[in-house]
Amino acid sequence: MLAPKIKVNNIALTNIPTSILASKNPAGFEINNFGNDLLKRFNMVLDFKNDCLYLKPNKLVGVKYLEGA
């Protein structure tokens, strides 16, 4: 499945491959995932002390997504 558009700050990403489980997980709720093909386009910093994730686009932000992902 493709997400038509996601905006991270001022960066609009379109037609992002996603995964949606066909059934609920063992805890009983649905999970929708963005994969590594999206995440590799950003440098990430996890700030556990302040419970934050910082994303900064890198040189891969404009690269075409993998086929069939």
Protein backbone atom coordinates (compact mmCIF):
# COMPACT_ATOMS: atom_id res chain seq x y z
CA MET A 1 0.00 0.00 0.00
CA LEU A 2 1.16 3.55 -0.69
CA ALA A 3 0.66 6.55 1.56
CA PRO A 4 -0.19 9.38 -0.84
CA LYS A 5 1.59 12.16 1.07
CA ILE A 6 3.42 12.71 4.32
CA LYS A 7 4.83 16.03 5.40
CA VAL A 8 7.78 16.26 7.80
CA ASN A 9 8.31 19.93 8.63
CA ASN A 10 8.55 21.55 5.18
CA ILE A 11 9.42 18.36 3.28
CA ALA A 12 6.55 16.67 1.45
CA LEU A 13 7.09 13.01 0.65
CA THR A 14 4.68 11.29 -1.74
CA ASN A 15 3.67 7.72 -2.57
CA ILE A 16 5.52 6.18 0.38
CA PRO A 17 5.44 2.38 0.62
CA THR A 18 3.79 1.24 3.87
CA SER A 19 2.85 -2.03 5.51
CA ILE A 20 -0.52 -2.69 7.06
CA LEU A 21 -1.13 -5.91 8.95
CA ALA A 22 -4.04 -7.97 7.67
CA SER A 23 -5.07 -8.70 11.24
CA LYS A 24 -4.67 -7.09 14.62
CA ASN A 25 -1.52 -7.76 16.62
CA PRO A 26 -1.62 -9.86 19.82
CA ALA A 27 -2.34 -6.74 21.90
CA GLY A 28 -5.49 -6.15 19.81
CA PHE A 29 -4.69 -3.00 17.85
CA GLU A 30 -3.80 -2.37 14.22
CA ILE A 31 -0.24 -1.53 13.22
CA ASN A 32 0.71 0.53 10.18
CA ASN A 33 4.42 0.72 9.44
CA PHE A 34 6.73 2.94 7.45
CA GLY A 35 9.78 0.98 6.49
CA ASN A 36 13.47 1.56 6.25
CA ASP A 37 13.04 2.87 2.71
CA LEU A 38 11.50 5.99 4.25
CA LEU A 39 13.68 6.17 7.35
CA LYS A 40 16.96 5.98 5.42
CA ARG A 41 16.16 9.42 3.96
CA PHE A 42 16.69 11.06 7.35
CA ASN A 43 19.44 11.29 9.93
CA MET A 44 17.82 10.53 13.26
CA VAL A 45 18.63 11.42 16.83
CA LEU A 46 16.74 9.71 19.64
CA ASP A 47 16.51 11.89 22.73
CA PHE A 48 15.34 9.50 25.43
CA LYS A 49 15.74 12.05 28.21
CA ASN A 50 13.19 14.38 26.58
CA ASP A 51 11.20 11.66 24.77
CA CYS A 52 11.86 13.14 21.31
CA LEU A 53 12.91 11.98 17.87
CA TYR A 54 14.74 14.48 15.68
CA LEU A 55 14.76 14.00 11.90
CA LYS A 56 17.04 15.80 9.48
CA PRO A 57 16.79 15.08 5.75
CA ASN A 58 19.92 13.64 4.16
CA LYS A 59 21.08 13.23 0.56
CA LEU A 60 18.66 10.31 0.01
CA VAL A 61 15.50 12.35 0.60
CA GLY A 62 14.86 12.71 -3.16
CA VAL A 63 15.82 9.16 -4.21
CA LYS A 64 13.10 6.97 -5.77
CA TYR A 65 11.55 4.36 -3.46
CA LEU A 66 12.33 0.69 -3.99
CA GLU A 67 10.05 -1.08 -6.47
CA GLY A 68 7.58 -3.45 -4.87
CA ALA A 69 8.34 -2.20 -1.37
